[in-house]
């Protein structure tokens, strides 16, 4: 959809960005970061900090990438994933997906798990008020966008209802994060 925005508009908004300080991973826990364990989050489809393959964007099939992780503490009750774009020209990072209630013994999400959720994956509301995965779709000329796949190990399984949004998820995370990890994919549309 945003591929049709003129590149001159993207360039004009180049310095308008939500900001990494507003990511869920920055706001989720008031505890010192040194007190929170680290999860190792990765993908067989791309390396951390590298370009997302077009297949996982609005310029390709738009399916969610496969993810895998390790380092979940034994006392974790559940896992929660939120995918955000801190470079979106919006007030808050754009939410591309929320998956919650993931069993703590789980170590991966297959390709497309957030795109066409089924019984094992509960999904929340993205910034476009839909459920599931909204593929990266940055405005042309706006510059590189970081897509942060933020995974949290929680000491509870929060009752979030059917399709929680970002603010509900942030409230549920406060005081319950045992470990967290982030995988960053980059995508950009040039003019």
N, C-alpha and C. Protein backbone atom coordinates (compact mmCIF):
# COMPACT_ATOMS: atom_id res chain seq x y z
N UNK A 1 0.81 -1.18 0.00
CA UNK A 1 0.00 0.00 0.00
C UNK A 1 0.87 1.26 0.00
N UNK A 2 1.90 1.32 0.88
CA UNK A 2 2.74 2.52 0.95
C UNK A 2 3.72 2.62 -0.20
N UNK A 3 3.85 1.56 -0.99
CA UNK A 3 4.75 1.64 -2.14
C UNK A 3 4.29 2.70 -3.13
N UNK A 4 3.02 3.12 -3.04
CA UNK A 4 2.47 4.12 -3.95
C UNK A 4 2.63 5.55 -3.44
N UNK A 5 3.13 5.70 -2.23
CA UNK A 5 3.39 7.04 -1.70
C UNK A 5 4.58 7.62 -2.48
N UNK A 6 4.48 8.83 -2.97
CA UNK A 6 5.61 9.41 -3.71
C UNK A 6 6.86 9.48 -2.82
N UNK A 7 8.02 9.17 -3.40
CA UNK A 7 9.27 9.18 -2.65
C UNK A 7 9.56 10.54 -2.05
N UNK A 8 9.07 11.61 -2.67
CA UNK A 8 9.29 12.96 -2.13
C UNK A 8 8.63 13.08 -0.75
N UNK A 9 7.51 12.43 -0.54
CA UNK A 9 6.84 12.45 0.77
C UNK A 9 7.67 11.67 1.78
N UNK A 10 8.16 10.50 1.37
CA UNK A 10 9.03 9.71 2.26
C UNK A 10 10.27 10.48 2.67
N UNK A 11 10.89 11.16 1.70
CA UNK A 11 12.09 11.94 2.02
C UNK A 11 11.75 13.12 2.94
N UNK A 12 10.60 13.74 2.75
CA UNK A 12 10.20 14.87 3.60
C UNK A 12 9.98 14.42 5.05
N UNK A 13 9.56 13.18 5.23
CA UNK A 13 9.30 12.64 6.58
C UNK A 13 10.49 11.85 7.12
N UNK A 14 11.62 11.89 6.45
CA UNK A 14 12.77 11.05 6.80
C UNK A 14 13.18 11.15 8.27
N UNK A 15 13.07 12.32 8.86
CA UNK A 15 13.48 12.49 10.26
C UNK A 15 12.32 12.33 11.24
N UNK A 16 11.16 12.00 10.76
CA UNK A 16 10.00 11.76 11.63
C UNK A 16 9.94 10.26 11.90
N UNK A 17 10.23 9.87 13.13
CA UNK A 17 10.27 8.46 13.50
C UNK A 17 9.79 8.31 14.94
N UNK A 18 9.15 7.20 15.22
CA UNK A 18 8.63 6.95 16.57
C UNK A 18 9.77 6.91 17.59
N UNK A 19 10.84 6.19 17.28
CA UNK A 19 12.00 6.11 18.15
C UNK A 19 12.13 4.79 18.90
N UNK A 20 13.36 4.30 18.97
CA UNK A 20 13.64 3.03 19.63
C UNK A 20 13.34 3.06 21.12
N UNK A 21 13.41 4.24 21.75
CA UNK A 21 13.13 4.34 23.18
C UNK A 21 11.68 4.02 23.51
N UNK A 22 10.81 4.00 22.50
CA UNK A 22 9.39 3.69 22.73
C UNK A 22 9.04 2.24 22.46
N UNK A 23 10.02 1.42 22.09
CA UNK A 23 9.76 0.00 21.85
C UNK A 23 9.30 -0.69 23.13
N UNK A 24 8.53 -1.73 22.97
CA UNK A 24 8.05 -2.51 24.13
C UNK A 24 9.22 -3.02 24.96
N UNK A 25 10.28 -3.44 24.30
CA UNK A 25 11.43 -3.99 25.02
C UNK A 25 12.08 -2.94 25.93
N UNK A 26 11.92 -1.66 25.61
CA UNK A 26 12.45 -0.58 26.45
C UNK A 26 11.49 -0.19 27.57
N UNK A 27 10.21 -0.42 27.37
CA UNK A 27 9.20 0.04 28.32
C UNK A 27 8.62 -1.05 29.20
N UNK A 28 8.95 -2.29 28.94
CA UNK A 28 8.25 -3.41 29.57
C UNK A 28 8.59 -3.64 31.04
N UNK A 29 9.76 -3.27 31.45
CA UNK A 29 10.13 -3.62 32.81
C UNK A 29 10.84 -2.47 33.51
N UNK A 30 10.36 -2.10 34.68
CA UNK A 30 11.03 -1.04 35.44
C UNK A 30 12.30 -1.53 36.13
N UNK A 31 12.51 -2.85 36.14
CA UNK A 31 13.71 -3.39 36.78
C UNK A 31 14.95 -3.00 35.98
N UNK A 32 16.10 -2.91 36.64
CA UNK A 32 17.33 -2.63 35.89
C UNK A 32 17.54 -3.70 34.82
N UNK A 33 18.00 -3.29 33.65
CA UNK A 33 18.18 -4.24 32.56
C UNK A 33 19.11 -5.37 32.94
N UNK A 34 20.06 -5.12 33.84
CA UNK A 34 21.00 -6.15 34.26
C UNK A 34 20.30 -7.28 35.02
N UNK A 35 19.09 -7.02 35.56
CA UNK A 35 18.37 -8.04 36.31
C UNK A 35 17.53 -8.95 35.42
N UNK A 36 17.45 -8.63 34.12
CA UNK A 36 16.63 -9.41 33.20
C UNK A 36 17.53 -10.27 32.33
N UNK A 37 17.22 -11.54 32.25
CA UNK A 37 17.99 -12.48 31.45
C UNK A 37 17.78 -12.21 29.96
N UNK A 38 18.70 -12.71 29.16
CA UNK A 38 18.63 -12.49 27.71
C UNK A 38 18.21 -13.77 27.00
N UNK A 39 17.25 -13.63 26.11
CA UNK A 39 16.86 -14.71 25.21
C UNK A 39 17.62 -14.53 23.90
N UNK A 40 18.05 -15.62 23.31
CA UNK A 40 18.69 -15.57 22.00
C UNK A 40 17.61 -15.79 20.96
N UNK A 41 17.30 -14.76 20.17
CA UNK A 41 16.27 -14.83 19.14
C UNK A 41 16.96 -14.77 17.78
N UNK A 42 16.58 -15.68 16.89
CA UNK A 42 17.19 -15.71 15.55
C UNK A 42 16.18 -16.19 14.53
N UNK A 43 16.62 -16.18 13.29
CA UNK A 43 15.79 -16.67 12.19
C UNK A 43 16.69 -17.36 11.17
N UNK A 44 16.26 -18.49 10.62
CA UNK A 44 17.03 -19.09 9.54
C UNK A 44 16.92 -18.30 8.24
N UNK A 45 16.04 -17.30 8.20
CA UNK A 45 15.80 -16.53 6.98
C UNK A 45 16.66 -15.28 6.86
N UNK A 46 17.16 -14.74 7.99
CA UNK A 46 17.98 -13.53 7.95
C UNK A 46 18.77 -13.43 9.25
N UNK A 47 19.89 -12.73 9.17
CA UNK A 47 20.75 -12.51 10.33
C UNK A 47 20.31 -11.25 11.07
N UNK A 48 20.59 -11.20 12.36
CA UNK A 48 20.27 -10.03 13.16
C UNK A 48 20.94 -8.80 12.57
N UNK A 49 20.15 -7.74 12.38
CA UNK A 49 20.66 -6.49 11.84
C UNK A 49 20.82 -6.47 10.33
N UNK A 50 20.40 -7.54 9.67
CA UNK A 50 20.52 -7.62 8.21
C UNK A 50 19.17 -7.39 7.55
N UNK A 51 19.19 -7.29 6.24
CA UNK A 51 18.00 -7.02 5.43
C UNK A 51 17.01 -8.19 5.50
N UNK A 52 15.75 -7.84 5.71
CA UNK A 52 14.67 -8.83 5.65
C UNK A 52 14.48 -9.23 4.19
N UNK A 53 14.41 -10.51 3.88
CA UNK A 53 14.11 -10.90 2.51
C UNK A 53 12.73 -10.37 2.11
N UNK A 54 12.59 -9.94 0.86
CA UNK A 54 11.34 -9.36 0.35
C UNK A 54 10.16 -10.29 0.57
N UNK A 55 10.39 -11.58 0.61
CA UNK A 55 9.32 -12.57 0.82
C UNK A 55 8.48 -12.24 2.06
N UNK A 56 9.11 -11.65 3.08
CA UNK A 56 8.45 -11.37 4.36
C UNK A 56 7.92 -9.94 4.45
N UNK A 57 7.87 -9.24 3.32
CA UNK A 57 7.43 -7.85 3.28
C UNK A 57 6.23 -7.70 2.34
N UNK A 58 5.72 -6.48 2.27
CA UNK A 58 4.61 -6.20 1.37
C UNK A 58 5.03 -6.26 -0.10
N UNK A 59 6.34 -6.28 -0.35
CA UNK A 59 6.83 -6.41 -1.72
C UNK A 59 6.98 -7.87 -2.15
N UNK A 60 6.71 -8.79 -1.24
CA UNK A 60 6.79 -10.21 -1.54
C UNK A 60 5.49 -10.89 -1.15
N UNK A 61 5.60 -12.09 -0.61
CA UNK A 61 4.41 -12.85 -0.19
C UNK A 61 3.77 -12.28 1.07
N UNK A 62 4.56 -11.56 1.86
CA UNK A 62 4.02 -10.93 3.06
C UNK A 62 3.74 -11.90 4.19
N UNK A 63 4.42 -13.05 4.19
CA UNK A 63 4.25 -14.00 5.29
C UNK A 63 5.24 -13.68 6.39
N UNK A 64 4.92 -14.08 7.60
CA UNK A 64 5.84 -13.83 8.71
C UNK A 64 7.04 -14.77 8.61
N UNK A 65 8.23 -14.26 8.97
CA UNK A 65 9.42 -15.11 8.87
C UNK A 65 9.46 -16.17 9.96
N UNK A 66 10.21 -17.25 9.73
CA UNK A 66 10.40 -18.23 10.79
C UNK A 66 11.28 -17.63 11.89
N UNK A 67 10.97 -17.96 13.13
CA UNK A 67 11.75 -17.48 14.27
C UNK A 67 12.11 -18.65 15.15
N UNK A 68 13.22 -18.54 15.83
CA UNK A 68 13.62 -19.54 16.82
C UNK A 68 14.31 -18.84 17.97
N UNK A 69 14.32 -19.49 19.13
CA UNK A 69 14.91 -18.87 20.30
C UNK A 69 15.38 -19.92 21.28
N UNK A 70 16.23 -19.45 22.21
CA UNK A 70 16.73 -20.30 23.29
C UNK A 70 16.97 -19.43 24.50
N UNK A 71 17.21 -20.09 25.65
CA UNK A 71 17.50 -19.36 26.87
C UNK A 71 16.29 -19.03 27.72
N UNK A 72 15.16 -19.70 27.47
CA UNK A 72 13.95 -19.44 28.27
C UNK A 72 14.16 -19.99 29.68
N UNK A 73 14.00 -19.16 30.70
CA UNK A 73 14.18 -19.64 32.08
C UNK A 73 13.17 -20.74 32.43
N UNK A 74 13.60 -21.68 33.26
CA UNK A 74 12.74 -22.80 33.65
C UNK A 74 11.46 -22.33 34.34
N UNK A 75 11.52 -21.20 35.04
CA UNK A 75 10.35 -20.71 35.77
C UNK A 75 9.37 -19.92 34.90
N UNK A 76 9.67 -19.76 33.62
CA UNK A 76 8.77 -19.02 32.73
C UNK A 76 7.46 -19.77 32.56
N UNK A 77 6.35 -19.03 32.59
CA UNK A 77 5.02 -19.61 32.41
C UNK A 77 4.54 -19.48 30.97
N UNK A 78 4.99 -18.43 30.28
CA UNK A 78 4.57 -18.23 28.89
C UNK A 78 5.54 -17.29 28.19
N UNK A 79 5.35 -17.19 26.87
CA UNK A 79 6.15 -16.29 26.05
C UNK A 79 5.22 -15.34 25.30
N UNK A 80 5.72 -14.16 25.02
CA UNK A 80 4.95 -13.18 24.26
C UNK A 80 5.89 -12.54 23.24
N UNK A 81 5.41 -12.38 22.02
CA UNK A 81 6.18 -11.78 20.95
C UNK A 81 5.44 -10.55 20.43
N UNK A 82 6.17 -9.46 20.26
CA UNK A 82 5.61 -8.28 19.61
C UNK A 82 6.61 -7.83 18.56
N UNK A 83 6.12 -7.54 17.37
CA UNK A 83 6.96 -7.08 16.27
C UNK A 83 6.61 -5.61 16.03
N UNK A 84 7.63 -4.73 16.16
CA UNK A 84 7.41 -3.30 16.04
C UNK A 84 8.42 -2.65 15.10
N UNK A 85 7.99 -1.53 14.52
CA UNK A 85 8.84 -0.70 13.66
C UNK A 85 9.04 0.64 14.35
N UNK A 86 10.22 0.87 14.97
CA UNK A 86 10.45 2.14 15.64
C UNK A 86 10.75 3.29 14.68
N UNK A 87 10.90 2.96 13.39
CA UNK A 87 11.22 3.98 12.39
C UNK A 87 9.99 4.47 11.64
N UNK A 88 8.84 3.99 12.04
CA UNK A 88 7.59 4.42 11.43
C UNK A 88 7.36 5.91 11.71
N UNK A 89 6.88 6.68 10.72
CA UNK A 89 6.64 8.11 10.94
C UNK A 89 5.33 8.33 11.73
N UNK A 90 5.29 7.75 12.91
CA UNK A 90 4.11 7.80 13.78
C UNK A 90 4.55 8.16 15.20
N UNK A 91 3.58 8.42 16.08
CA UNK A 91 3.92 8.78 17.46
C UNK A 91 4.51 7.61 18.25
N UNK A 92 4.01 6.41 17.99
CA UNK A 92 4.50 5.19 18.66
C UNK A 92 4.98 4.23 17.59
N UNK A 93 5.85 3.28 17.96
CA UNK A 93 6.26 2.28 16.97
C UNK A 93 5.03 1.57 16.38
N UNK A 94 5.11 1.29 15.10
CA UNK A 94 4.02 0.57 14.45
C UNK A 94 4.11 -0.90 14.82
N UNK A 95 2.99 -1.45 15.27
CA UNK A 95 2.93 -2.86 15.64
C UNK A 95 2.58 -3.68 14.40
N UNK A 96 3.45 -4.64 14.10
CA UNK A 96 3.24 -5.51 12.94
C UNK A 96 2.65 -6.85 13.35
N UNK A 97 2.84 -7.25 14.60
CA UNK A 97 2.25 -8.50 15.08
C UNK A 97 2.39 -8.60 16.59
N UNK A 98 1.44 -9.31 17.17
CA UNK A 98 1.50 -9.69 18.59
C UNK A 98 1.11 -11.15 18.66
N UNK A 99 1.94 -11.95 19.30
CA UNK A 99 1.60 -13.36 19.56
C UNK A 99 1.81 -13.57 21.05
N UNK A 100 0.84 -14.14 21.71
CA UNK A 100 0.92 -14.28 23.16
C UNK A 100 0.39 -15.65 23.57
N UNK A 101 0.63 -15.97 24.84
CA UNK A 101 0.19 -17.27 25.34
C UNK A 101 0.99 -18.41 24.76
N UNK A 102 2.18 -18.10 24.24
CA UNK A 102 3.04 -19.16 23.69
C UNK A 102 3.57 -19.99 24.86
N UNK A 103 3.51 -21.29 24.73
CA UNK A 103 3.99 -22.17 25.80
C UNK A 103 5.49 -21.97 26.02
N UNK A 104 5.91 -21.97 27.27
CA UNK A 104 7.30 -21.67 27.60
C UNK A 104 8.27 -22.71 27.06
N UNK A 105 7.80 -23.91 26.76
CA UNK A 105 8.66 -24.95 26.20
C UNK A 105 8.85 -24.83 24.70
N UNK A 106 8.12 -23.95 24.10
CA UNK A 106 8.21 -23.76 22.66
C UNK A 106 9.52 -23.05 22.31
N UNK A 107 10.14 -23.43 21.19
CA UNK A 107 11.42 -22.84 20.80
C UNK A 107 11.41 -22.22 19.41
N UNK A 108 10.23 -22.18 18.77
CA UNK A 108 10.20 -21.61 17.42
C UNK A 108 8.79 -21.30 16.96
N UNK A 109 8.71 -20.46 15.94
CA UNK A 109 7.49 -20.22 15.19
C UNK A 109 7.85 -20.46 13.72
N UNK A 110 7.11 -21.32 13.04
CA UNK A 110 7.43 -21.56 11.63
C UNK A 110 7.04 -20.38 10.74
N UNK A 111 7.56 -20.36 9.55
CA UNK A 111 7.19 -19.33 8.57
C UNK A 111 5.67 -19.30 8.43
N UNK A 112 5.12 -18.10 8.43
CA UNK A 112 3.68 -17.93 8.24
C UNK A 112 2.84 -18.12 9.49
N UNK A 113 3.45 -18.47 10.62
CA UNK A 113 2.67 -18.73 11.84
C UNK A 113 1.90 -17.51 12.31
N UNK A 114 2.41 -16.32 12.05
CA UNK A 114 1.72 -15.10 12.45
C UNK A 114 0.79 -14.59 11.35
N UNK A 115 1.01 -15.06 10.14
CA UNK A 115 0.21 -14.63 8.99
C UNK A 115 -1.15 -15.31 8.96
N UNK A 116 -1.14 -16.58 9.24
CA UNK A 116 -2.38 -17.37 9.24
C UNK A 116 -2.41 -18.14 10.54
N UNK A 117 -2.65 -17.44 11.65
CA UNK A 117 -2.60 -18.09 12.95
C UNK A 117 -3.58 -19.25 13.06
N UNK A 118 -3.16 -20.24 13.78
CA UNK A 118 -4.01 -21.39 14.03
C UNK A 118 -4.01 -21.67 15.52
N UNK A 119 -4.63 -22.74 15.94
CA UNK A 119 -4.86 -23.03 17.34
C UNK A 119 -3.70 -22.84 18.29
N UNK A 120 -2.47 -23.05 17.84
CA UNK A 120 -1.32 -22.98 18.74
C UNK A 120 -0.80 -21.56 18.93
N UNK A 121 -1.23 -20.62 18.11
CA UNK A 121 -0.72 -19.26 18.21
C UNK A 121 -1.87 -18.28 18.39
N UNK A 122 -1.90 -17.60 19.54
CA UNK A 122 -2.90 -16.57 19.79
C UNK A 122 -2.30 -15.24 19.33
N UNK A 123 -3.08 -14.48 18.57
CA UNK A 123 -2.55 -13.22 18.05
C UNK A 123 -3.36 -12.03 18.54
N UNK A 124 -2.65 -10.92 18.65
CA UNK A 124 -3.28 -9.68 19.08
C UNK A 124 -3.52 -8.77 17.89
N UNK A 125 -3.84 -7.54 18.22
CA UNK A 125 -4.21 -6.53 17.22
C UNK A 125 -2.96 -5.75 16.79
N UNK A 126 -2.78 -5.60 15.50
CA UNK A 126 -1.66 -4.82 14.98
C UNK A 126 -2.10 -3.35 14.83
N UNK A 127 -1.21 -2.51 14.37
CA UNK A 127 -1.52 -1.08 14.26
C UNK A 127 -2.56 -0.74 13.20
N UNK A 128 -2.84 -1.69 12.32
CA UNK A 128 -3.88 -1.48 11.30
C UNK A 128 -5.22 -2.05 11.77
N UNK A 129 -5.32 -2.37 13.06
CA UNK A 129 -6.53 -2.88 13.71
C UNK A 129 -6.96 -4.25 13.20
N UNK A 130 -6.03 -4.95 12.59
CA UNK A 130 -6.28 -6.33 12.17
C UNK A 130 -5.56 -7.27 13.10
N UNK A 131 -5.72 -8.55 12.87
CA UNK A 131 -4.98 -9.53 13.64
C UNK A 131 -3.99 -10.22 12.71
N UNK A 132 -2.98 -10.80 13.29
CA UNK A 132 -1.96 -11.46 12.49
C UNK A 132 -0.84 -10.51 12.12
N UNK A 133 -0.11 -10.90 11.10
CA UNK A 133 1.12 -10.22 10.68
C UNK A 133 0.83 -9.18 9.61
N UNK A 134 1.23 -7.94 9.86
CA UNK A 134 1.21 -6.89 8.86
C UNK A 134 2.63 -6.81 8.31
N UNK A 135 2.84 -7.17 7.05
CA UNK A 135 4.22 -7.18 6.53
C UNK A 135 4.81 -5.78 6.44
N UNK A 136 6.13 -5.67 6.58
CA UNK A 136 6.81 -4.38 6.45
C UNK A 136 6.45 -3.71 5.12
N UNK A 137 6.15 -2.41 5.19
CA UNK A 137 5.67 -1.66 4.04
C UNK A 137 6.09 -0.20 4.20
N UNK A 138 7.43 0.07 4.31
CA UNK A 138 7.87 1.44 4.58
C UNK A 138 7.64 2.36 3.38
N UNK A 139 7.44 3.65 3.64
CA UNK A 139 7.28 4.59 2.54
C UNK A 139 8.57 4.70 1.73
N UNK A 140 8.49 4.76 0.39
CA UNK A 140 9.70 4.94 -0.42
C UNK A 140 10.40 6.24 -0.04
N UNK A 141 11.74 6.18 0.01
CA UNK A 141 12.52 7.38 0.30
C UNK A 141 12.63 7.72 1.78
N UNK A 142 11.95 7.00 2.66
CA UNK A 142 11.97 7.31 4.09
C UNK A 142 13.24 6.81 4.77
N UNK A 143 13.96 5.94 4.12
CA UNK A 143 15.19 5.39 4.69
C UNK A 143 14.95 4.01 5.26
N UNK A 144 16.00 3.42 5.84
CA UNK A 144 15.88 2.08 6.40
C UNK A 144 14.94 2.06 7.61
N UNK A 145 14.17 0.99 7.70
CA UNK A 145 13.30 0.76 8.85
C UNK A 145 13.77 -0.52 9.55
N UNK A 146 13.80 -0.45 10.88
CA UNK A 146 14.14 -1.62 11.69
C UNK A 146 12.84 -2.30 12.10
N UNK A 147 12.80 -3.60 11.92
CA UNK A 147 11.65 -4.39 12.37
C UNK A 147 12.16 -5.25 13.51
N UNK A 148 11.66 -4.91 14.71
CA UNK A 148 12.14 -5.52 15.95
C UNK A 148 11.21 -6.65 16.37
N UNK A 149 11.74 -7.87 16.35
CA UNK A 149 11.01 -9.05 16.79
C UNK A 149 11.39 -9.23 18.26
N UNK A 150 10.53 -8.73 19.17
CA UNK A 150 10.81 -8.67 20.60
C UNK A 150 10.11 -9.84 21.31
N UNK A 151 10.89 -10.69 21.94
CA UNK A 151 10.34 -11.87 22.62
C UNK A 151 10.54 -11.72 24.13
N UNK A 152 9.48 -12.02 24.88
CA UNK A 152 9.52 -11.91 26.34
C UNK A 152 9.14 -13.25 26.97
N UNK A 153 9.93 -13.68 27.96
CA UNK A 153 9.56 -14.82 28.80
C UNK A 153 8.93 -14.23 30.05
N UNK A 154 7.73 -14.69 30.37
CA UNK A 154 6.95 -14.11 31.48
C UNK A 154 6.79 -15.10 32.62
N UNK A 155 6.60 -14.55 33.83
CA UNK A 155 6.37 -15.40 35.00
C UNK A 155 4.90 -15.76 35.15
N UNK A 156 4.07 -15.34 34.20
CA UNK A 156 2.65 -15.66 34.22
C UNK A 156 2.15 -15.85 32.79
N UNK A 157 0.90 -16.20 32.66
CA UNK A 157 0.25 -16.28 31.35
C UNK A 157 -0.88 -15.26 31.42
N UNK A 158 -0.59 -14.00 31.05
CA UNK A 158 -1.56 -12.93 31.29
C UNK A 158 -2.88 -13.14 30.56
N UNK A 159 -3.99 -12.84 31.24
CA UNK A 159 -5.30 -12.94 30.60
C UNK A 159 -5.55 -11.70 29.74
N UNK A 160 -5.19 -11.79 28.48
CA UNK A 160 -5.25 -10.62 27.61
C UNK A 160 -6.52 -10.52 26.77
N UNK A 161 -7.42 -11.45 26.90
CA UNK A 161 -8.63 -11.40 26.08
C UNK A 161 -8.37 -11.98 24.70
N UNK A 162 -9.25 -11.66 23.75
CA UNK A 162 -9.14 -12.28 22.43
C UNK A 162 -8.10 -11.64 21.52
N UNK A 163 -8.10 -10.33 21.40
CA UNK A 163 -7.17 -9.65 20.49
C UNK A 163 -6.60 -8.40 21.16
N UNK A 164 -5.64 -8.59 22.07
CA UNK A 164 -5.09 -7.43 22.78
C UNK A 164 -4.29 -6.53 21.84
N UNK A 165 -4.29 -5.24 22.16
CA UNK A 165 -3.48 -4.27 21.44
C UNK A 165 -2.21 -3.96 22.20
N UNK A 166 -1.43 -3.06 21.67
CA UNK A 166 -0.12 -2.73 22.24
C UNK A 166 -0.20 -2.24 23.68
N UNK A 167 -1.09 -1.31 24.00
CA UNK A 167 -1.14 -0.77 25.35
C UNK A 167 -1.52 -1.84 26.36
N UNK A 168 -2.42 -2.73 26.00
CA UNK A 168 -2.80 -3.82 26.89
C UNK A 168 -1.62 -4.76 27.11
N UNK A 169 -0.87 -5.03 26.06
CA UNK A 169 0.31 -5.90 26.17
C UNK A 169 1.37 -5.24 27.05
N UNK A 170 1.63 -3.95 26.85
CA UNK A 170 2.63 -3.27 27.68
C UNK A 170 2.25 -3.31 29.16
N UNK A 171 0.98 -3.13 29.46
CA UNK A 171 0.52 -3.21 30.86
C UNK A 171 0.73 -4.60 31.42
N UNK A 172 0.45 -5.62 30.61
CA UNK A 172 0.60 -7.01 31.07
C UNK A 172 2.06 -7.39 31.29
N UNK A 173 2.97 -6.77 30.57
CA UNK A 173 4.39 -7.10 30.71
C UNK A 173 5.00 -6.54 31.98
N UNK A 174 4.54 -5.39 32.43
CA UNK A 174 5.16 -4.71 33.58
C UNK A 174 5.21 -5.61 34.82
N UNK A 175 6.43 -5.80 35.28
CA UNK A 175 6.64 -6.59 36.49
C UNK A 175 6.61 -8.09 36.28
N UNK A 176 6.49 -8.57 35.04
CA UNK A 176 6.39 -10.01 34.78
C UNK A 176 7.44 -10.55 33.83
N UNK A 177 8.37 -9.70 33.38
CA UNK A 177 9.38 -10.13 32.41
C UNK A 177 10.55 -10.79 33.13
N UNK A 178 10.80 -12.05 32.80
CA UNK A 178 11.94 -12.79 33.35
C UNK A 178 13.15 -12.69 32.41
N UNK A 179 12.87 -12.69 31.11
CA UNK A 179 13.93 -12.64 30.11
C UNK A 179 13.36 -12.02 28.84
N UNK A 180 14.25 -11.46 28.05
CA UNK A 180 13.80 -10.85 26.81
C UNK A 180 14.92 -10.92 25.78
N UNK A 181 14.52 -10.87 24.53
CA UNK A 181 15.48 -10.89 23.43
C UNK A 181 14.89 -10.20 22.22
N UNK A 182 15.77 -9.73 21.35
CA UNK A 182 15.32 -9.00 20.18
C UNK A 182 16.11 -9.47 18.96
N UNK A 183 15.39 -9.64 17.87
CA UNK A 183 15.99 -9.90 16.56
C UNK A 183 15.57 -8.74 15.66
N UNK A 184 16.53 -8.12 14.99
CA UNK A 184 16.25 -6.96 14.15
C UNK A 184 16.43 -7.31 12.68
N UNK A 185 15.39 -7.02 11.90
CA UNK A 185 15.46 -7.12 10.45
C UNK A 185 15.32 -5.72 9.87
N UNK A 186 16.03 -5.44 8.79
CA UNK A 186 16.02 -4.11 8.17
C UNK A 186 15.34 -4.21 6.81
N UNK A 187 14.52 -3.21 6.50
CA UNK A 187 13.93 -3.16 5.16
C UNK A 187 13.79 -1.70 4.75
N UNK A 188 14.05 -1.44 3.48
CA UNK A 188 13.97 -0.08 2.96
C UNK A 188 13.48 -0.12 1.53
N UNK A 189 12.68 0.87 1.21
CA UNK A 189 12.30 1.10 -0.19
C UNK A 189 13.00 2.37 -0.66
N UNK A 190 13.77 2.25 -1.68
CA UNK A 190 14.44 3.43 -2.23
C UNK A 190 13.49 4.12 -3.20
N UNK A 191 13.81 5.33 -3.56
CA UNK A 191 12.94 6.13 -4.44
C UNK A 191 12.73 5.47 -5.79
